[in-house]
Protein backbone atom coordinates (compact mmCIF):
# COMPACT_ATOMS: atom_id res chain seq x y z
CA GLY A 1 17.27 -30.72 -25.55
CA TYR A 2 18.48 -33.65 -23.52
CA GLY A 3 19.34 -34.60 -20.01
CA LEU A 4 22.49 -36.26 -18.76
CA ASN A 5 22.59 -38.11 -15.44
CA LEU A 6 25.95 -38.28 -13.71
CA LYS A 7 25.03 -39.76 -10.33
CA SER A 8 24.31 -43.46 -9.98
CA ALA A 9 20.74 -44.55 -9.24
CA GLN A 10 21.73 -45.47 -5.68
CA ASN A 11 22.63 -41.82 -4.99
CA VAL A 12 19.35 -40.20 -6.03
CA VAL A 13 15.79 -40.39 -4.73
CA LEU A 14 13.46 -41.58 -7.49
CA ASN A 15 10.16 -43.42 -7.65
CA ASP A 16 10.42 -47.11 -8.64
CA GLU A 17 9.16 -46.60 -12.19
CA ILE A 18 11.77 -43.97 -13.02
CA LYS A 19 14.53 -45.69 -11.01
CA SER A 20 14.22 -48.80 -13.21
CA LEU A 21 14.94 -46.63 -16.29
CA TYR A 22 17.61 -44.37 -14.76
CA VAL A 23 21.27 -44.76 -15.67
CA GLY A 24 23.99 -42.42 -14.47
CA MET A 25 27.27 -41.84 -16.33
CA ASN A 26 29.20 -42.87 -13.22
CA GLU A 27 27.58 -46.32 -13.45
CA LEU A 28 29.03 -46.77 -16.96
CA SER A 29 32.63 -45.90 -16.17
CA ASP A 30 35.27 -47.11 -13.76
CA ALA A 31 36.40 -43.53 -13.10
CA PRO A 32 33.99 -40.86 -11.81
CA THR A 33 32.92 -38.29 -14.39
CA SER A 34 32.88 -34.63 -13.37
CA ILE A 35 30.28 -32.13 -14.50
CA ASP A 36 33.03 -29.90 -15.92
CA ALA A 37 34.48 -32.75 -18.00
CA CYS A 38 31.02 -33.59 -19.38
CA ILE A 39 30.28 -29.98 -20.28
CA GLU A 40 33.66 -29.63 -21.98
CA LEU A 41 33.13 -32.77 -24.05
CA ILE A 42 29.56 -31.81 -24.98
CA LEU A 43 30.66 -28.35 -26.12
CA GLU A 44 33.58 -29.77 -28.14
CA GLU A 45 31.29 -32.25 -29.89
CA LEU A 46 28.64 -29.59 -30.47
CA GLU A 47 31.21 -27.25 -32.00
CA ALA A 48 32.49 -30.05 -34.28
CA GLY A 49 28.91 -30.93 -35.26
CA ILE A 50 28.13 -27.32 -36.13
CA ALA A 51 31.27 -27.12 -38.27
CA THR A 52 30.30 -30.33 -40.11
CA TRP A 53 26.73 -29.10 -40.59
CA SER A 54 27.89 -25.75 -41.98
CA GLN A 55 30.19 -27.51 -44.48
CA GLU A 56 28.17 -30.61 -45.40
CA GLY A 57 24.57 -29.91 -44.42
CA LEU A 58 22.30 -32.30 -42.56
CA ALA A 59 23.19 -35.54 -44.43
CA PRO A 60 26.02 -36.72 -42.10
CA THR A 61 23.80 -36.15 -39.07
CA LEU A 62 20.96 -38.11 -40.66
CA ASP A 63 23.34 -41.00 -41.42
CA TYR A 64 24.45 -41.08 -37.79
CA TRP A 65 20.86 -40.75 -36.57
CA LYS A 66 19.82 -43.84 -38.54
CA SER A 67 22.49 -45.91 -36.79
CA ALA A 68 21.58 -44.66 -33.29
CA ASP A 69 17.79 -44.20 -33.47
CA ALA A 70 16.40 -45.98 -30.39
CA LEU A 71 12.78 -45.25 -31.35
CA ASN A 72 12.88 -46.61 -34.91
CA GLY A 73 10.07 -49.13 -35.37
CA LYS A 74 8.53 -48.42 -31.96
CA THR A 75 5.07 -47.06 -31.25
CA VAL A 76 5.32 -43.47 -30.04
CA GLN A 77 3.10 -40.54 -29.23
CA ALA A 78 4.16 -37.03 -30.15
CA GLN A 79 2.74 -33.97 -28.45
CA SER A 80 3.18 -31.00 -30.77
CA GLY A 81 1.49 -27.72 -31.59
CA ASP A 82 -0.85 -29.72 -33.84
CA GLY A 83 -2.00 -31.87 -30.90
CA GLN A 84 -1.23 -35.52 -30.24
CA ILE A 85 0.02 -37.77 -33.00
CA ARG A 86 0.49 -41.51 -32.49
CA GLY A 87 2.26 -43.91 -34.80
CA THR A 88 5.31 -46.01 -35.52
CA ALA A 89 8.55 -44.04 -35.56
CA CYS A 90 10.34 -44.47 -38.87
CA GLY A 91 13.30 -42.11 -38.72
CA LEU A 92 13.83 -38.55 -39.84
CA ASP A 93 13.08 -36.98 -43.19
CA SER A 94 15.63 -34.95 -45.20
CA GLU A 95 14.81 -31.85 -43.12
CA GLY A 96 15.35 -33.63 -39.77
CA ARG A 97 11.65 -33.99 -38.91
CA LEU A 98 10.41 -37.13 -37.17
CA MET A 99 8.37 -39.40 -39.43
CA LEU A 100 5.50 -41.41 -37.93
CA LYS A 101 3.54 -44.03 -39.79
CA ASP A 102 -0.11 -44.41 -38.78
CA GLY A 103 -1.50 -47.26 -40.86
CA GLU A 104 -0.85 -46.18 -44.43
CA THR A 105 -0.45 -42.49 -43.55
CA LEU A 106 3.01 -40.96 -43.07
CA LYS A 107 3.01 -37.94 -40.75
CA VAL A 108 5.89 -35.61 -39.86
CA VAL A 109 6.54 -33.93 -36.53
CA ASP A 110 8.82 -30.92 -36.66
CA SER A 111 8.72 -30.02 -32.96
CA GLY A 112 7.29 -31.28 -29.70
CA GLU A 113 7.77 -34.03 -27.16
CA VAL A 114 7.87 -37.70 -28.14
CA PHE A 115 7.12 -40.60 -25.80
CA GLU A 116 7.48 -44.31 -26.44
CA ILE A 117 4.23 -46.19 -25.84
CA ARG A 118 5.07 -49.29 -23.84
């Protein structure tokens, strides 16, 4: 899952720590973005992604992921059914699972929450 902020930081009540990280779509565009327009675009892209996946498998998604992976090379902590795992994020494996390197050990996380350690 993911979240998408439309309102600018000035229009929401947030604590200082979160407010410094918050970006709203309307801060990135000259024209206001409506919820309906965002939902329509998300659904169109999701439908196109599903069609690509059904025809070509996961490889195109993994290629895109490598170019957009904001956590690659960063220290993260994953909370999964297996407990907490900490390591350096190093992309996704061929099945789409997060790979974490802890020293010389490579671990995979197939579900859970991941947080960057700052």
